[in-house]
Structures are given as structure tokens and as C-alpha cells.
């Protein structure tokens, strides 16, 4: 059972929960159910602390099925985290998002109880509030993949640091446009190598989605991988996607 302390800082209420080890039900109640951004302090000597440092700031991720029913989420011994802090490497960001950390490694949880109602699309993705919709008739001659690729290349060349998801996207699209080939030096520039690129669910998704949109035939194995990673983007992966 955890204890909860309250502080007033700059007109905001900061809640601090301690009482390690936390249970999955504790974290669902504190931050998970309402998708609150929280600071997770990691216990000294733990594997998570050795890998990620003293603190992780982010939002706990739950597959749509767990968020709707919660039984699996409340019995888990690990949590996955969508990192919101800066300065986290792409490798660490992916590991926290897809593999997560053990509940036993969490020593303290801090958060501001500022909540907004969260709505979801049928796909399980969050609805983003205050979006202005502009009606657009799609030009079938417009190549969306090449347009997105050009935008990200220009952004990178202008000296703007791409977000982790943008790096995964540009690598995936590049592979899709070039039949799975990419200069190793450019790959390393975006924080990947020949091994880590095969471990990224997002890269596989953008690679194979781009290849399909470009009218290139997918092998049976590639169709299986695309279906797997498309589903896996909304749940913890049960196996890797190695092999191409």
C-alpha cells in the first residue's frame, strides 16, 4: 500500500506517492487510468536505474484492450512508458515504449493531478483536442511518402533535431522507397545500425507501409510482418520482428 503526500508549488498541487513496491493496480489508480504525465524515481541498484538513470518522465502505456477492461493491466509486473522528457536516446525511448521496466524498480511517483478527458478513435489512438479540420480533395498524383521524406530531410538538413518518431519514420520511408537499402552512414546519423534497425517496430511499419503504397509487391513474410507490427503498435509485442 502506498502513501500519498501533497505539496503546493507555484499554485499547482504536486502529489507524491511512495511505498515501494508499487503494484500495477496502484499505478493504474495514480496515473494510468487518466493518462497523467508522471516522474518515476527509480530505486538505487535496480536494473532500470542502471539503464535509464535516476528518473523517467512519461506516460504509462496500456493496450486498448487493457484500458477498456484493465484486468491484464492490473496484474502485470512491468509497465511500458511513453517518454516525454528530453535528452533520452532513441534506443532508450524504444526500450521503454516496447519493453518497459519492472514495477519493483520504481521507488517514487510524482505527478500533478491536472486531468483532461481522454477520447480514443476506434483504432485505439488518442483523439487530439482542438484540431481544425480542413477539407481536402486528395490528388492521386501526389506521392505522400516522397513528400513526407522530403520534409523530414529538409528539417534535418536545416539543423533541427528530429524527434525519435521522426527518425524512425524517415528511416522506414527511405527503406520503403529504396527496396530495403539505405546508406549505413546515414542510418547511423539517425541513431541506428544494421542490428537496431531490425528491432524497431516503427521502422518496419513505415518501411512496409511505404513499399505497399508505392505499388511494390510484398512477400508473404512481409505481409505477415506488416500485420504483426500494425497490431503491435497498440499492444506489447509478443515476439520480435527480426528477419527480412
Protein backbone atom coordinates (compact mmCIF):
# COMPACT_ATOMS: atom_id res chain seq x y z
CA UNK A 1 0.00 0.00 0.00
CA UNK A 2 1.42 3.38 -0.94
CA UNK A 3 1.30 6.69 0.96
CA UNK A 4 0.41 9.97 -0.72
CA UNK A 5 1.89 13.38 0.10
CA UNK A 6 0.71 16.72 -1.28
CA UNK A 7 2.74 19.88 -1.96
CA UNK A 8 1.79 23.32 -3.26
CA UNK A 9 4.30 24.63 -5.79
CA UNK A 10 3.66 27.83 -7.74
CA UNK A 11 -0.09 27.48 -7.34
CA UNK A 12 -0.07 23.86 -8.51
CA UNK A 13 -0.69 20.75 -6.45
CA UNK A 14 2.06 18.14 -6.68
CA UNK A 15 1.25 14.66 -5.46
CA UNK A 16 3.99 12.27 -4.42
CA UNK A 17 3.32 8.57 -3.91
CA UNK A 18 5.79 6.31 -2.14
CA UNK A 19 5.67 2.86 -0.61
CA UNK A 20 7.67 0.61 -2.90
CA UNK A 21 6.98 -1.91 -4.25
CA UNK A 22 4.08 -0.47 -6.19
CA UNK A 23 1.51 -2.78 -7.73
CA UNK A 24 0.10 -2.43 -11.23
CA UNK A 25 -3.24 -1.51 -9.65
CA UNK A 26 -1.53 1.29 -7.69
CA UNK A 27 -0.07 2.86 -10.84
CA UNK A 28 -3.32 2.47 -12.76
CA UNK A 29 -5.10 4.36 -9.98
CA UNK A 30 -2.43 7.05 -9.62
CA UNK A 31 -1.54 7.89 -13.21
CA UNK A 32 -2.56 5.20 -15.70
CA UNK A 33 -6.32 5.48 -15.88
CA UNK A 34 -6.23 9.21 -16.66
CA UNK A 35 -3.03 9.14 -18.73
CA UNK A 36 -1.21 11.52 -16.40
CA UNK A 37 2.38 12.52 -17.07
CA UNK A 38 4.44 11.41 -14.08
CA UNK A 39 8.00 11.37 -12.83
CA UNK A 40 9.08 7.85 -11.87
CA UNK A 41 12.05 7.76 -9.49
CA UNK A 42 13.95 4.51 -9.87
CA UNK A 43 15.35 2.56 -6.94
CA UNK A 44 19.11 2.59 -6.38
CA UNK A 45 20.75 -0.61 -7.56
CA UNK A 46 17.83 -1.55 -9.82
CA UNK A 47 18.24 -2.62 -13.46
CA UNK A 48 16.07 0.29 -14.61
CA UNK A 49 18.22 2.84 -12.78
CA UNK A 50 21.39 1.38 -14.25
CA UNK A 51 19.86 1.62 -17.72
CA UNK A 52 17.98 4.95 -17.58
CA UNK A 53 19.29 6.99 -14.66
CA UNK A 54 17.53 8.25 -11.55
CA UNK A 55 14.23 9.40 -13.09
CA UNK A 56 11.97 8.81 -16.07
CA UNK A 57 9.27 11.32 -17.05
CA UNK A 58 6.44 9.99 -19.16
CA UNK A 59 3.02 8.41 -19.51
CA UNK A 60 2.26 4.76 -18.81
CA UNK A 61 1.12 2.94 -21.96
CA UNK A 62 -1.69 0.41 -21.98
CA UNK A 63 -3.02 -1.58 -24.92
CA UNK A 64 -6.57 -0.65 -25.85
CA UNK A 65 -7.94 -3.95 -24.51
CA UNK A 66 -6.36 -3.35 -21.12
CA UNK A 67 -7.50 0.25 -20.97
CA UNK A 68 -11.07 -0.82 -21.63
CA UNK A 69 -11.16 -3.76 -19.22
CA UNK A 70 -7.97 -3.37 -17.14
CA UNK A 71 -7.70 -6.93 -15.76
CA UNK A 72 -4.42 -7.66 -17.55
CA UNK A 73 -3.05 -4.21 -16.73
CA UNK A 74 -3.75 -4.65 -13.03
CA UNK A 75 -1.95 -7.97 -12.81
CA UNK A 76 1.20 -7.08 -14.76
CA UNK A 77 4.66 -6.90 -13.19
CA UNK A 78 6.02 -4.41 -15.75
CA UNK A 79 4.88 -1.11 -17.25
CA UNK A 80 5.67 0.46 -20.61
CA UNK A 81 6.34 4.21 -20.70
CA UNK A 82 5.96 6.82 -23.45
CA UNK A 83 8.84 9.16 -22.58
CA UNK A 84 8.08 12.90 -22.53
CA UNK A 85 11.44 14.15 -21.23
CA UNK A 86 14.21 15.49 -23.48
CA UNK A 87 17.65 14.06 -23.88
CA UNK A 88 16.63 10.39 -23.98
CA UNK A 89 18.36 8.33 -26.66
CA UNK A 90 16.29 6.67 -29.41
CA UNK A 91 17.36 3.27 -28.10
CA UNK A 92 16.18 4.04 -24.56
CA UNK A 93 12.95 5.57 -25.85
CA UNK A 94 12.16 2.43 -27.84
CA UNK A 95 13.09 0.14 -24.97
CA UNK A 96 10.84 1.99 -22.52
CA UNK A 97 7.97 2.08 -25.03
CA UNK A 98 8.06 -1.57 -26.05
CA UNK A 99 9.80 -3.42 -23.19
CA UNK A 100 9.19 -1.15 -20.20
CA UNK A 101 10.54 -1.55 -16.69
CA UNK A 102 9.77 -3.76 -13.71
CA UNK A 103 7.32 -2.38 -11.15
CA UNK A 104 9.77 -3.39 -8.42
CA UNK A 105 12.28 -0.86 -9.81
CA UNK A 106 10.01 2.13 -9.08
CA UNK A 107 10.66 3.89 -5.77
CA UNK A 108 8.60 7.09 -6.03
CA UNK A 109 5.92 8.54 -8.33
CA UNK A 110 5.24 12.28 -8.64
CA UNK A 111 2.53 13.94 -10.72
CA UNK A 112 0.26 16.98 -10.98
CA UNK A 113 -3.40 15.87 -10.89
CA UNK A 114 -4.39 18.01 -13.85
CA UNK A 115 -6.76 15.87 -15.88
CA UNK A 116 -8.46 16.23 -19.23
CA UNK A 117 -10.97 13.76 -20.57
CA UNK A 118 -9.19 11.39 -22.97
CA UNK A 119 -11.05 10.14 -26.03
CA UNK A 120 -9.92 7.42 -28.41
CA UNK A 121 -10.54 6.57 -32.04
CA UNK A 122 -11.76 3.08 -32.96
CA UNK A 123 -8.14 2.21 -33.82
CA UNK A 124 -7.12 2.81 -30.20
CA UNK A 125 -5.24 6.03 -30.97
CA UNK A 126 -5.90 9.09 -28.85
CA UNK A 127 -8.10 11.85 -30.21
CA UNK A 128 -6.19 15.13 -30.19
CA UNK A 129 -8.41 18.02 -28.99
CA UNK A 130 -8.80 21.43 -30.64
CA UNK A 131 -7.95 20.26 -34.15
CA UNK A 132 -9.09 22.48 -37.00
CA UNK A 133 -10.24 20.27 -39.87
CA UNK A 134 -9.63 21.50 -43.40
CA UNK A 135 -11.46 19.75 -46.23
CA UNK A 136 -9.04 18.45 -48.81
CA UNK A 137 -9.53 16.56 -52.04
CA UNK A 138 -6.56 14.25 -52.35
CA UNK A 139 -4.65 14.44 -55.61
CA UNK A 140 -3.91 10.81 -56.63
CA UNK A 141 -0.74 12.06 -58.36
CA UNK A 142 0.64 13.33 -55.03
CA UNK A 143 3.22 10.94 -53.58
CA UNK A 144 2.69 11.27 -49.83
CA UNK A 145 5.74 9.19 -48.94
CA UNK A 146 8.14 11.25 -51.04
CA UNK A 147 6.57 14.47 -49.74
CA UNK A 148 6.98 13.35 -46.11
CA UNK A 149 10.51 12.15 -46.83
CA UNK A 150 11.46 15.48 -48.42
CA UNK A 151 10.02 17.41 -45.47
CA UNK A 152 11.99 15.38 -42.91
CA UNK A 153 15.20 15.62 -44.97
CA UNK A 154 14.84 19.40 -45.22
CA UNK A 155 14.13 19.64 -41.49
CA UNK A 156 17.22 17.56 -40.69
CA UNK A 157 19.45 19.47 -43.12
CA UNK A 158 18.34 22.76 -41.55
CA UNK A 159 19.89 21.60 -38.27
CA UNK A 160 16.63 20.74 -36.48
CA UNK A 161 16.94 17.70 -34.26
CA UNK A 162 14.30 15.20 -35.36
CA UNK A 163 12.12 13.63 -32.70
CA UNK A 164 12.65 9.88 -32.15
CA UNK A 165 9.42 9.01 -34.01
CA UNK A 166 10.52 11.22 -36.95
CA UNK A 167 13.86 9.41 -37.16
CA UNK A 168 12.09 6.07 -37.25
CA UNK A 169 9.74 7.38 -39.90
CA UNK A 170 12.41 8.80 -42.20
CA UNK A 171 14.46 5.60 -41.96
CA UNK A 172 11.40 3.45 -42.67
CA UNK A 173 10.26 5.56 -45.62
CA UNK A 174 13.79 5.62 -47.05
CA UNK A 175 13.94 1.84 -46.91
CA UNK A 176 10.50 1.59 -48.49
CA UNK A 177 11.43 3.90 -51.35
CA UNK A 178 14.75 2.15 -51.98
CA UNK A 179 13.74 -1.51 -51.81
CA UNK A 180 15.16 -2.05 -48.32
CA UNK A 181 18.51 -0.34 -48.97
CA UNK A 182 19.99 2.63 -47.08
CA UNK A 183 23.47 4.09 -46.74
CA UNK A 184 24.97 2.88 -43.44
CA UNK A 185 26.43 6.30 -42.65
CA UNK A 186 23.02 7.95 -42.98
CA UNK A 187 21.48 5.17 -40.91
CA UNK A 188 23.99 5.83 -38.13
CA UNK A 189 23.31 9.56 -38.36
CA UNK A 190 19.75 8.83 -37.22
CA UNK A 191 20.94 6.65 -34.35
CA UNK A 192 20.59 3.16 -35.85
CA UNK A 193 22.85 0.40 -37.10
CA UNK A 194 22.29 -2.80 -39.07
CA UNK A 195 21.06 -4.61 -35.96
CA UNK A 196 18.96 -1.99 -34.17
CA UNK A 197 17.09 -1.03 -37.33
CA UNK A 198 15.66 -4.57 -37.44
CA UNK A 199 14.43 -4.28 -33.85
CA UNK A 200 12.28 -1.20 -34.42
CA UNK A 201 8.58 -1.89 -34.81
CA UNK A 202 8.02 1.65 -36.12
CA UNK A 203 10.68 1.33 -38.81
CA UNK A 204 9.21 -1.96 -40.01
CA UNK A 205 5.75 -0.37 -40.09
CA UNK A 206 6.84 2.66 -42.17
CA UNK A 207 9.13 0.56 -44.39
CA UNK A 208 6.48 -1.95 -45.40
CA UNK A 209 3.61 0.59 -45.48
CA UNK A 210 5.65 2.78 -47.82
CA UNK A 211 6.61 -0.15 -50.00
CA UNK A 212 2.95 -1.16 -50.33
CA UNK A 213 1.78 2.41 -51.08
CA UNK A 214 4.44 2.67 -53.78
CA UNK A 215 2.83 -0.28 -55.55
CA UNK A 216 5.67 -2.69 -54.78
CA UNK A 217 4.68 -6.27 -54.12
CA UNK A 218 5.09 -7.58 -50.58
CA UNK A 219 6.18 -11.14 -49.98
CA UNK A 220 4.03 -13.36 -47.81
CA UNK A 221 6.54 -12.91 -44.97
CA UNK A 222 6.44 -9.13 -45.36
CA UNK A 223 2.63 -9.13 -45.26
CA UNK A 224 2.78 -11.13 -42.04
CA UNK A 225 5.30 -8.70 -40.51
CA UNK A 226 3.22 -5.67 -41.54
CA UNK A 227 0.09 -7.16 -39.96
CA UNK A 228 2.11 -8.03 -36.83
CA UNK A 229 3.67 -4.59 -36.35
CA UNK A 230 0.42 -2.78 -37.19
CA UNK A 231 -1.27 -4.69 -34.39
CA UNK A 232 1.83 -4.46 -32.18
CA UNK A 233 1.80 -0.65 -32.23
CA UNK A 234 -1.28 -0.91 -29.98
CA UNK A 235 -0.08 -3.70 -27.67
CA UNK A 236 3.15 -5.03 -26.18
CA UNK A 237 4.89 -7.20 -28.80
CA UNK A 238 4.91 -10.93 -28.08
CA UNK A 239 7.91 -11.52 -30.30
CA UNK A 240 10.48 -9.60 -32.28
CA UNK A 241 10.34 -8.70 -35.94
CA UNK A 242 13.80 -9.80 -36.88
CA UNK A 243 14.42 -11.26 -40.27
CA UNK A 244 13.84 -9.69 -43.63
